[in-house]
Amino acid sequence: MLCNWLSERLDHALHYAQVTSISHITKKIYSDFELQGVLEDKLNSKAYQTVALRMTTEEATCALTMPDVVECDDNGIQ
């Protein structure tokens, strides 16, 4: 579902809050399924690879366009 949502918005950049949330969710789901013993070929499906690549690109874009936000911690303190 996340892969479909992101592919519908290929021409739109994500907001910083969306990037951080989706990145966290994606990494958490991957590690949870990995701990549950889901096979590697199922974990690294085409949909997961597409989402991971898009999130890597969006994180890099955020780092370049909003350096003050990226350098701050969760409390907004640098």
Protein backbone atom coordinates (compact mmCIF):
# COMPACT_ATOMS: atom_id res chain seq x y z
CA MET A 1 0.00 0.00 0.00
CA LEU A 2 2.84 2.36 0.86
CA CYS A 3 4.56 1.58 -2.44
CA ASN A 4 1.38 2.43 -4.34
CA TRP A 5 0.88 5.67 -2.39
CA LEU A 6 4.45 6.76 -3.09
CA SER A 7 4.24 5.84 -6.77
CA GLU A 8 1.10 7.96 -7.15
CA ARG A 9 3.13 10.91 -5.84
CA LEU A 10 6.30 10.50 -7.88
CA ASP A 11 6.17 14.08 -9.07
CA HIS A 12 5.70 15.51 -5.54
CA ALA A 13 8.35 15.81 -2.86
CA LEU A 14 7.36 14.61 0.58
CA HIS A 15 7.25 16.90 3.60
CA TYR A 16 10.01 16.43 6.17
CA ALA A 17 7.53 14.98 8.69
CA GLN A 18 6.32 12.46 6.11
CA VAL A 19 9.88 11.47 5.28
CA THR A 20 10.87 10.89 8.90
CA SER A 21 7.67 9.01 9.71
CA ILE A 22 7.67 6.76 6.65
CA SER A 23 11.41 6.05 7.00
CA HIS A 24 10.96 5.05 10.63
CA ILE A 25 7.94 2.87 9.86
CA THR A 26 9.68 1.16 6.94
CA LYS A 27 12.83 0.38 8.92
CA LYS A 28 10.82 -0.80 11.94
CA ILE A 29 8.61 -3.11 9.89
CA TYR A 30 11.64 -4.58 8.10
CA SER A 31 13.50 -5.28 11.35
CA ASP A 32 10.38 -6.71 13.04
CA PHE A 33 9.71 -9.10 10.15
CA GLU A 34 13.39 -10.03 10.06
CA LEU A 35 13.27 -10.90 13.77
CA GLN A 36 10.16 -13.01 13.16
CA GLY A 37 12.11 -15.12 10.67
CA VAL A 38 10.61 -13.91 7.40
CA LEU A 39 12.82 -15.11 4.56
CA GLU A 40 15.23 -12.66 2.94
CA ASP A 41 13.64 -12.92 -0.52
CA LYS A 42 10.26 -11.97 0.97
CA LEU A 43 11.76 -9.06 2.94
CA ASN A 44 13.56 -7.61 -0.05
CA SER A 45 10.61 -7.69 -2.40
CA LYS A 46 10.35 -5.31 -5.35
CA ALA A 47 7.84 -3.20 -3.41
CA TYR A 48 10.19 -2.88 -0.42
CA GLN A 49 13.13 -2.00 -2.66
CA THR A 50 11.05 0.68 -4.38
CA VAL A 51 10.00 2.22 -1.05
CA ALA A 52 13.52 2.04 0.36
CA LEU A 53 15.00 3.75 -2.70
CA ARG A 54 12.39 6.49 -2.64
CA MET A 55 12.91 7.10 1.08
CA THR A 56 16.69 7.27 0.61
CA THR A 57 16.18 9.85 -2.12
CA GLU A 58 13.72 11.86 -0.02
CA GLU A 59 16.03 11.78 3.02
CA ALA A 60 18.90 13.09 0.88
CA THR A 61 16.66 15.83 -0.52
CA CYS A 62 15.64 16.88 2.99
CA ALA A 63 19.26 16.91 4.13
CA LEU A 64 20.19 19.24 1.26
CA THR A 65 17.18 21.55 1.33
CA MET A 66 16.55 21.77 5.07
CA PRO A 67 19.90 21.41 6.87
CA ASP A 68 18.66 23.19 10.01
CA VAL A 69 15.83 20.70 10.49
CA VAL A 70 18.05 17.67 9.90
CA GLU A 71 20.65 18.87 12.40
CA CYS A 72 18.08 19.34 15.16
CA ASP A 73 17.09 16.55 17.50
CA ASP A 74 13.50 15.57 18.27
CA ASN A 75 13.11 18.52 20.65
CA GLY A 76 14.28 21.02 18.05
CA ILE A 77 17.57 21.63 19.86
CA GLN A 78 20.74 21.77 17.79
